[in-house]
Protein backbone atom coordinates (compact mmCIF):
# COMPACT_ATOMS: atom_id res chain seq x y z
CA UNK A 1 -3.67 4.94 1.33
CA UNK A 2 -3.50 1.20 1.93
CA UNK A 3 -4.29 -1.34 -0.78
CA UNK A 4 -6.61 -3.27 1.54
CA UNK A 5 -8.92 -0.22 1.64
CA UNK A 6 -9.96 -1.07 -1.95
CA UNK A 7 -10.91 -4.68 -1.33
CA UNK A 8 -14.40 -6.20 -1.41
CA UNK A 9 -15.84 -9.71 -1.40
CA UNK A 10 -16.93 -11.03 -4.82
CA UNK A 11 -18.39 -14.52 -5.28
CA UNK A 12 -16.77 -16.14 -8.30
CA UNK A 13 -20.16 -16.96 -9.85
CA UNK A 14 -20.83 -13.22 -10.37
CA UNK A 15 -17.91 -12.86 -12.80
CA UNK A 16 -19.62 -12.74 -16.21
CA UNK A 17 -18.19 -15.37 -18.55
CA UNK A 18 -20.18 -14.53 -21.67
CA UNK A 19 -21.82 -11.36 -23.02
CA UNK A 20 -25.52 -10.76 -22.45
CA UNK A 21 -27.65 -11.46 -25.54
CA UNK A 22 -28.59 -7.81 -26.19
CA UNK A 23 -25.90 -5.26 -25.44
CA UNK A 24 -28.12 -2.51 -24.05
CA UNK A 25 -30.16 -4.80 -21.78
CA UNK A 26 -27.43 -5.30 -19.24
CA UNK A 27 -28.18 -3.81 -15.83
CA UNK A 28 -27.21 -0.25 -14.91
CA UNK A 29 -26.47 0.98 -11.40
CA UNK A 30 -26.79 4.75 -11.13
CA UNK A 31 -24.80 6.56 -8.44
CA UNK A 32 -26.13 10.02 -7.55
CA UNK A 33 -23.18 11.82 -5.98
CA UNK A 34 -25.23 14.77 -4.76
CA UNK A 35 -27.16 12.69 -2.22
CA UNK A 36 -25.27 9.36 -2.37
CA UNK A 37 -28.33 7.35 -3.40
CA UNK A 38 -28.29 4.31 -5.68
CA UNK A 39 -30.74 3.41 -8.45
CA UNK A 40 -31.13 0.13 -10.35
CA UNK A 41 -31.92 0.40 -14.06
CA UNK A 42 -31.36 -1.23 -17.46
CA UNK A 43 -28.49 0.14 -19.55
CA UNK A 44 -30.69 1.62 -22.29
CA UNK A 45 -32.17 3.85 -19.55
CA UNK A 46 -28.86 5.76 -19.66
CA UNK A 47 -30.54 8.13 -22.13
CA UNK A 48 -32.80 9.38 -19.31
CA UNK A 49 -29.75 10.57 -17.39
CA UNK A 50 -28.10 12.42 -20.28
CA UNK A 51 -29.09 16.02 -20.96
CA UNK A 52 -29.17 18.06 -24.17
CA UNK A 53 -25.85 19.88 -24.31
CA UNK A 54 -23.86 17.09 -22.64
CA UNK A 55 -20.97 15.41 -24.44
CA UNK A 56 -20.39 11.67 -24.36
CA UNK A 57 -16.69 10.86 -24.90
CA UNK A 58 -15.97 7.31 -26.04
CA UNK A 59 -12.81 5.34 -26.92
CA UNK A 60 -12.97 4.12 -30.52
CA UNK A 61 -9.97 1.80 -30.35
CA UNK A 62 -10.36 -1.63 -31.93
CA UNK A 63 -9.18 -4.85 -30.30
CA UNK A 64 -6.87 -6.91 -32.47
CA UNK A 65 -6.94 -10.74 -32.24
CA UNK A 66 -3.64 -10.51 -30.39
CA UNK A 67 -3.37 -14.03 -28.95
CA UNK A 68 -1.31 -16.28 -31.23
CA UNK A 69 -0.41 -19.94 -30.91
CA UNK A 70 2.62 -21.18 -32.81
CA UNK A 71 5.60 -23.50 -32.75
CA UNK A 72 9.32 -23.14 -32.38
CA UNK A 73 11.42 -24.78 -35.07
CA UNK A 74 11.93 -27.66 -32.60
CA UNK A 75 8.15 -28.25 -32.67
CA UNK A 76 7.55 -26.94 -29.14
CA UNK A 77 4.29 -25.06 -28.61
CA UNK A 78 4.44 -21.31 -27.97
CA UNK A 79 1.89 -18.61 -27.08
CA UNK A 80 2.21 -14.89 -27.85
CA UNK A 81 -0.02 -12.02 -26.73
CA UNK A 82 0.78 -8.86 -28.67
CA UNK A 83 0.87 -5.80 -26.41
CA UNK A 84 2.10 -2.86 -28.41
CA UNK A 85 3.42 -2.04 -31.88
CA UNK A 86 6.82 -0.45 -31.29
CA UNK A 87 7.74 0.40 -34.87
CA UNK A 88 6.91 -1.17 -38.21
CA UNK A 89 6.81 -4.95 -37.79
CA UNK A 90 8.42 -4.87 -34.33
CA UNK A 91 6.08 -5.52 -31.40
CA UNK A 92 6.20 -5.98 -27.66
CA UNK A 93 4.64 -9.30 -26.66
CA UNK A 94 4.00 -11.52 -23.66
CA UNK A 95 5.39 -14.95 -24.48
CA UNK A 96 4.93 -18.39 -22.94
CA UNK A 97 6.99 -20.31 -21.98
CA UNK A 98 9.19 -17.29 -21.32
CA UNK A 99 12.27 -19.19 -20.18
CA UNK A 100 12.43 -21.02 -23.54
CA UNK A 101 12.15 -17.95 -25.77
CA UNK A 102 15.53 -16.24 -25.77
CA UNK A 103 16.79 -13.65 -28.29
CA UNK A 104 17.33 -15.26 -31.67
CA UNK A 105 14.53 -17.83 -31.25
CA UNK A 106 12.28 -18.19 -34.31
CA UNK A 107 8.57 -19.02 -33.99
CA UNK A 108 6.19 -19.91 -36.82
CA UNK A 109 2.43 -19.35 -36.76
CA UNK A 110 -0.33 -20.74 -38.93
CA UNK A 111 0.47 -24.37 -39.63
CA UNK A 112 -0.02 -27.81 -38.04
CA UNK A 113 2.90 -30.20 -37.67
CA UNK A 114 2.88 -33.86 -38.65
CA UNK A 115 3.11 -36.39 -35.86
CA UNK A 116 5.07 -38.97 -37.89
CA UNK A 117 8.76 -38.36 -38.26
CA UNK A 118 9.98 -40.74 -41.01
CA UNK A 119 11.95 -39.23 -43.90
CA UNK A 120 8.97 -38.95 -46.24
CA UNK A 121 6.88 -37.24 -43.61
CA UNK A 122 9.69 -34.84 -42.71
CA UNK A 123 9.76 -33.70 -46.33
CA UNK A 124 5.99 -33.23 -46.29
CA UNK A 125 6.26 -31.40 -43.00
CA UNK A 126 8.79 -28.93 -44.38
CA UNK A 127 6.70 -28.40 -47.54
CA UNK A 128 3.61 -27.78 -45.39
CA UNK A 129 5.50 -25.31 -43.19
CA UNK A 130 6.61 -23.33 -46.22
CA UNK A 131 3.09 -23.35 -47.66
CA UNK A 132 1.02 -22.75 -44.54
CA UNK A 133 3.27 -20.65 -42.30
CA UNK A 134 1.54 -17.29 -42.41
CA UNK A 135 3.67 -15.49 -39.86
CA UNK A 136 7.26 -15.81 -38.72
CA UNK A 137 8.54 -14.15 -35.54
CA UNK A 138 12.09 -13.66 -34.30
CA UNK A 139 12.77 -12.77 -30.66
CA UNK A 140 14.99 -9.66 -30.69
CA UNK A 141 15.33 -8.78 -27.03
CA UNK A 142 14.02 -9.30 -23.48
CA UNK A 143 12.28 -6.15 -22.20
CA UNK A 144 11.53 -4.90 -18.69
CA UNK A 145 9.06 -7.15 -16.92
CA UNK A 146 10.01 -10.14 -19.06
CA UNK A 147 8.09 -9.21 -22.21
CA UNK A 148 9.82 -9.68 -25.56
CA UNK A 149 10.66 -7.42 -28.46
CA UNK A 150 9.61 -9.42 -31.51
CA UNK A 151 10.00 -8.86 -35.25
CA UNK A 152 7.46 -10.39 -37.65
CA UNK A 153 7.93 -11.45 -41.26
CA UNK A 154 4.99 -12.20 -43.54
CA UNK A 155 3.52 -11.85 -47.01
CA UNK A 156 0.40 -9.73 -47.34
CA UNK A 157 -1.32 -7.48 -44.77
CA UNK A 158 -0.47 -8.07 -41.12
CA UNK A 159 -3.94 -7.34 -39.69
CA UNK A 160 -5.59 -9.66 -42.23
CA UNK A 161 -3.25 -12.46 -41.15
CA UNK A 162 -4.10 -11.78 -37.50
CA UNK A 163 -7.79 -12.05 -38.37
CA UNK A 164 -7.12 -15.52 -39.81
CA UNK A 165 -4.99 -17.03 -37.07
CA UNK A 166 -5.34 -14.81 -33.98
CA UNK A 167 -7.77 -15.08 -31.08
CA UNK A 168 -9.27 -12.34 -28.97
CA UNK A 169 -7.07 -11.86 -25.87
CA UNK A 170 -9.82 -12.27 -23.29
CA UNK A 171 -9.02 -11.30 -19.68
CA UNK A 172 -7.61 -14.05 -17.42
CA UNK A 173 -10.82 -14.28 -15.37
CA UNK A 174 -12.88 -15.32 -18.42
CA UNK A 175 -12.73 -19.08 -18.95
CA UNK A 176 -15.46 -19.53 -21.57
CA UNK A 177 -14.62 -19.31 -25.28
CA UNK A 178 -16.06 -16.37 -27.21
CA UNK A 179 -18.44 -17.50 -29.95
CA UNK A 180 -18.67 -14.12 -31.70
CA UNK A 181 -15.48 -12.04 -31.98
CA UNK A 182 -17.44 -8.81 -32.38
CA UNK A 183 -18.91 -9.11 -28.88
CA UNK A 184 -15.51 -8.17 -27.43
CA UNK A 185 -15.61 -5.09 -29.64
CA UNK A 186 -17.63 -1.87 -29.35
CA UNK A 187 -20.02 -1.12 -32.21
CA UNK A 188 -17.99 2.04 -32.94
CA UNK A 189 -14.52 0.43 -32.83
CA UNK A 190 -12.44 1.95 -35.61
CA UNK A 191 -8.66 2.00 -35.10
CA UNK A 192 -6.71 -1.26 -34.60
CA UNK A 193 -4.34 -1.43 -31.67
CA UNK A 194 -5.85 -2.70 -28.40
CA UNK A 195 -5.03 -5.90 -26.56
CA UNK A 196 -8.16 -5.47 -24.42
CA UNK A 197 -11.57 -3.90 -25.03
CA UNK A 198 -12.73 -0.60 -23.51
CA UNK A 199 -15.53 -2.58 -21.93
CA UNK A 200 -17.82 0.25 -20.76
CA UNK A 201 -18.56 0.85 -24.43
CA UNK A 202 -19.73 -2.72 -25.06
CA UNK A 203 -23.23 -1.82 -23.81
CA UNK A 204 -24.02 0.67 -26.57
CA UNK A 205 -25.94 -0.24 -29.73
CA UNK A 206 -26.14 1.85 -32.93
CA UNK A 207 -29.82 2.48 -32.17
CA UNK A 208 -29.14 3.73 -28.65
CA UNK A 209 -26.34 6.01 -29.86
CA UNK A 210 -28.68 7.46 -32.49
CA UNK A 211 -31.33 8.22 -29.85
CA UNK A 212 -28.68 9.89 -27.70
CA UNK A 213 -27.66 12.13 -30.63
CA UNK A 214 -31.29 12.97 -31.35
CA UNK A 215 -31.67 14.09 -27.74
CA UNK A 216 -29.04 16.76 -28.36
CA UNK A 217 -26.06 15.05 -26.75
CA UNK A 218 -22.74 15.47 -28.57
CA UNK A 219 -20.59 12.38 -29.13
CA UNK A 220 -16.81 12.82 -29.27
CA UNK A 221 -14.08 10.23 -29.70
CA UNK A 222 -10.66 9.64 -28.28
CA UNK A 223 -8.42 6.71 -29.19
CA UNK A 224 -6.46 4.92 -26.49
CA UNK A 225 -5.01 1.51 -27.27
CA UNK A 226 -5.63 -0.58 -24.17
CA UNK A 227 -2.80 -2.83 -23.02
CA UNK A 228 -2.84 -6.02 -20.97
CA UNK A 229 -1.28 -3.93 -18.21
CA UNK A 230 -4.82 -2.81 -17.39
CA UNK A 231 -5.22 -6.21 -15.66
CA UNK A 232 -1.90 -5.99 -13.79
CA UNK A 233 -2.59 -6.25 -10.05
CA UNK A 234 -1.39 -3.67 -7.55
CA UNK A 235 1.08 -5.39 -5.23
CA UNK A 236 2.39 -2.48 -3.16
CA UNK A 237 0.88 -2.08 0.29
CA UNK A 238 0.82 1.70 -0.12
CA UNK A 239 -1.07 2.46 -3.34
CA UNK A 240 1.01 5.58 -3.96
CA UNK A 241 4.02 3.31 -4.63
CA UNK A 242 2.37 1.54 -7.58
CA UNK A 243 3.86 2.26 -11.01
CA UNK A 244 1.27 2.60 -13.79
CA UNK A 245 1.66 1.09 -17.25
CA UNK A 246 1.59 3.50 -20.19
CA UNK A 247 -0.78 3.41 -23.15
CA UNK A 248 -0.77 5.29 -26.44
CA UNK A 249 -3.58 7.73 -27.26
CA UNK A 250 -4.63 10.49 -29.63
CA UNK A 251 -7.51 12.88 -30.06
CA UNK A 252 -8.49 14.77 -33.22
CA UNK A 253 -9.25 18.48 -33.43
CA UNK A 254 -12.94 18.00 -34.26
CA UNK A 255 -13.39 15.94 -31.09
CA UNK A 256 -11.44 18.39 -28.95
CA UNK A 257 -13.70 21.15 -30.30
CA UNK A 258 -16.86 19.26 -29.26
CA UNK A 259 -15.53 18.80 -25.75
CA UNK A 260 -14.47 22.44 -25.38
CA UNK A 261 -17.76 23.73 -26.80
CA UNK A 262 -19.62 21.61 -24.26
CA UNK A 263 -17.59 22.97 -21.36
CA UNK A 264 -18.05 26.56 -22.56
CA UNK A 265 -21.83 26.14 -22.75
CA UNK A 266 -22.11 24.51 -19.31
CA UNK A 267 -22.75 20.94 -20.47
CA UNK A 268 -21.27 17.89 -18.79
CA UNK A 269 -18.41 15.77 -20.09
CA UNK A 270 -19.41 12.12 -19.60
CA UNK A 271 -16.54 9.69 -20.15
CA UNK A 272 -17.44 6.25 -21.47
CA UNK A 273 -15.01 4.10 -19.55
CA UNK A 274 -11.86 4.63 -17.54
CA UNK A 275 -9.74 4.73 -20.73
CA UNK A 276 -11.58 7.77 -22.08
CA UNK A 277 -11.40 9.33 -18.63
CA UNK A 278 -7.63 8.83 -18.44
CA UNK A 279 -7.09 10.48 -21.82
CA UNK A 280 -9.21 13.50 -20.92
CA UNK A 281 -7.54 13.99 -17.56
CA UNK A 282 -4.10 13.60 -19.15
CA UNK A 283 -4.61 16.35 -21.71
CA UNK A 284 -6.98 18.75 -19.90
CA UNK A 285 -5.80 22.21 -18.91
CA UNK A 286 -5.30 22.67 -15.16
CA UNK A 287 -7.02 26.07 -15.31
CA UNK A 288 -9.90 25.56 -17.73
CA UNK A 289 -10.33 21.83 -18.25
CA UNK A 290 -10.18 22.45 -22.01
CA UNK A 291 -8.40 19.96 -24.27
CA UNK A 292 -6.56 20.15 -27.56
CA UNK A 293 -5.79 17.74 -30.39
CA UNK A 294 -2.69 15.77 -29.48
CA UNK A 295 -1.00 12.36 -29.48
CA UNK A 296 1.18 10.71 -26.86
CA UNK A 297 1.49 8.15 -24.10
CA UNK A 298 -0.25 8.35 -20.77
CA UNK A 299 0.65 6.71 -17.50
CA UNK A 300 -1.71 8.86 -15.44
CA UNK A 301 -2.57 7.29 -12.09
CA UNK A 302 -5.86 8.45 -10.59
CA UNK A 303 -6.72 7.55 -7.00
CA UNK A 304 -8.59 9.30 -4.15
CA UNK A 305 -7.35 12.83 -3.61
CA UNK A 306 -7.12 13.50 -7.34
CA UNK A 307 -8.94 16.64 -8.57
CA UNK A 308 -10.73 16.06 -11.87
CA UNK A 309 -10.15 18.78 -14.47
CA UNK A 310 -12.41 17.74 -17.34
CA UNK A 311 -14.63 14.74 -16.57
CA UNK A 312 -18.01 15.38 -14.90
CA UNK A 313 -19.49 11.89 -15.07
CA UNK A 314 -18.44 8.34 -15.87
CA UNK A 315 -20.02 5.26 -17.42
CA UNK A 316 -18.04 2.21 -16.37
CA UNK A 317 -18.21 -1.48 -15.58
CA UNK A 318 -17.56 -3.09 -12.19
CA UNK A 319 -13.84 -3.53 -11.55
CA UNK A 320 -11.58 -6.01 -9.80
CA UNK A 321 -10.88 -5.66 -6.09
CA UNK A 322 -7.66 -3.75 -5.30
CA UNK A 323 -7.34 -2.54 -8.91
CA UNK A 324 -6.25 0.86 -10.22
CA UNK A 325 -9.60 1.11 -12.02
CA UNK A 326 -11.50 0.76 -8.74
CA UNK A 327 -9.22 3.48 -7.35
CA UNK A 328 -10.07 5.79 -10.25
CA UNK A 329 -13.80 5.29 -9.69
CA UNK A 330 -13.27 5.92 -5.98
CA UNK A 331 -11.46 9.16 -6.77
CA UNK A 332 -14.52 10.39 -8.65
CA UNK A 333 -17.31 9.22 -6.35
CA UNK A 334 -15.63 8.62 -2.99
CA UNK A 335 -14.21 5.32 -1.74
CA UNK A 336 -16.82 4.55 0.94
CA UNK A 337 -19.74 5.35 -1.39
CA UNK A 338 -18.25 3.22 -4.19
CA UNK A 339 -17.62 0.24 -1.92
CA UNK A 340 -21.16 0.57 -0.56
CA UNK A 341 -22.41 0.43 -4.16
CA UNK A 342 -20.22 -2.59 -4.95
CA UNK A 343 -21.48 -4.47 -1.91
CA UNK A 344 -25.05 -3.70 -2.99
CA UNK A 345 -24.22 -4.94 -6.51
CA UNK A 346 -23.04 -8.21 -5.00
CA UNK A 347 -26.24 -8.55 -2.96
CA UNK A 348 -28.34 -7.78 -6.06
CA UNK A 349 -26.29 -10.27 -8.11
CA UNK A 350 -25.02 -7.87 -10.74
CA UNK A 351 -22.66 -9.36 -13.32
CA UNK A 352 -19.05 -8.21 -12.87
CA UNK A 353 -16.06 -7.25 -15.01
CA UNK A 354 -15.61 -7.15 -18.81
CA UNK A 355 -18.85 -8.87 -19.91
CA UNK A 356 -20.75 -7.67 -16.87
CA UNK A 357 -23.16 -4.88 -16.00
CA UNK A 358 -22.56 -1.12 -15.92
CA UNK A 359 -22.47 1.79 -13.51
CA UNK A 360 -23.16 5.47 -14.18
CA UNK A 361 -21.62 7.98 -11.80
CA UNK A 362 -23.47 11.26 -12.22
């Protein structure tokens, strides 16, 4: 298939720059695959479309404040975005300016430099660096794609230091600053590791999740740490030639049991977001669709023609034109139907992308 087949027109003003005030009051477009109709609702109405015996599968990863601003020992400004913990204190990171950060370069984070450069101030500057430098990074190697392998040195607990000096790594299409860090975090986020939020889950509130449980819907968790690669554009003309990024995931036995029990009893597996969907389709049995507790990396690439093994429905946001996420949604609901829905969302002025409105494919 050609990349241009997954394009649509999106006015820039429809790209949501800030979260809606109340999470579950975003809009919800419901796609009924049986008759290809479209309904317009509010997100908290999702409970009306879930049935007793269904299982909602959500990604409980937690976004780390992975964007860091620091200085080389020369005083030059540097930006890091942490992508993946490789082992211990060694991480893969996007760095800027890349051409200035060669192996052996040292970067310090967490202090401000003095502008004056007389001898007295240089002494003060060095004392301040030693006192206020919370994190020291050494570039170890240049990785494929130009990212860097970086080793950190610090005193204390790494994630606590990130909380002090790091910023949320918002997607490149968001230009407004985020006033509340927790709004780029699901209410059930638990395990640190993501460089981007599983945004379909941002619409849920604790109260809504409780009502869903009371209705008799099971809730299971998977953990997939989302990488910045999720925003990487497809450049190949033929979509089959695109190479997917990989992301680390795991699922516990108790959650696998809930999913398998649901399938055995005839309930539906509803994935919250494309990340949950990718985990389920990675680990599901070809014959039964059952899953088992496991851990690994997935680079699964889902586009039209793919046969789903486990997932029966999907809650998701609206995705970028020509993106692998739009291709996944098209694989589930059909490309022409999905693009028809997207064009209607544009006409109805839905809010798009990470802080935008939601879609339920049933």
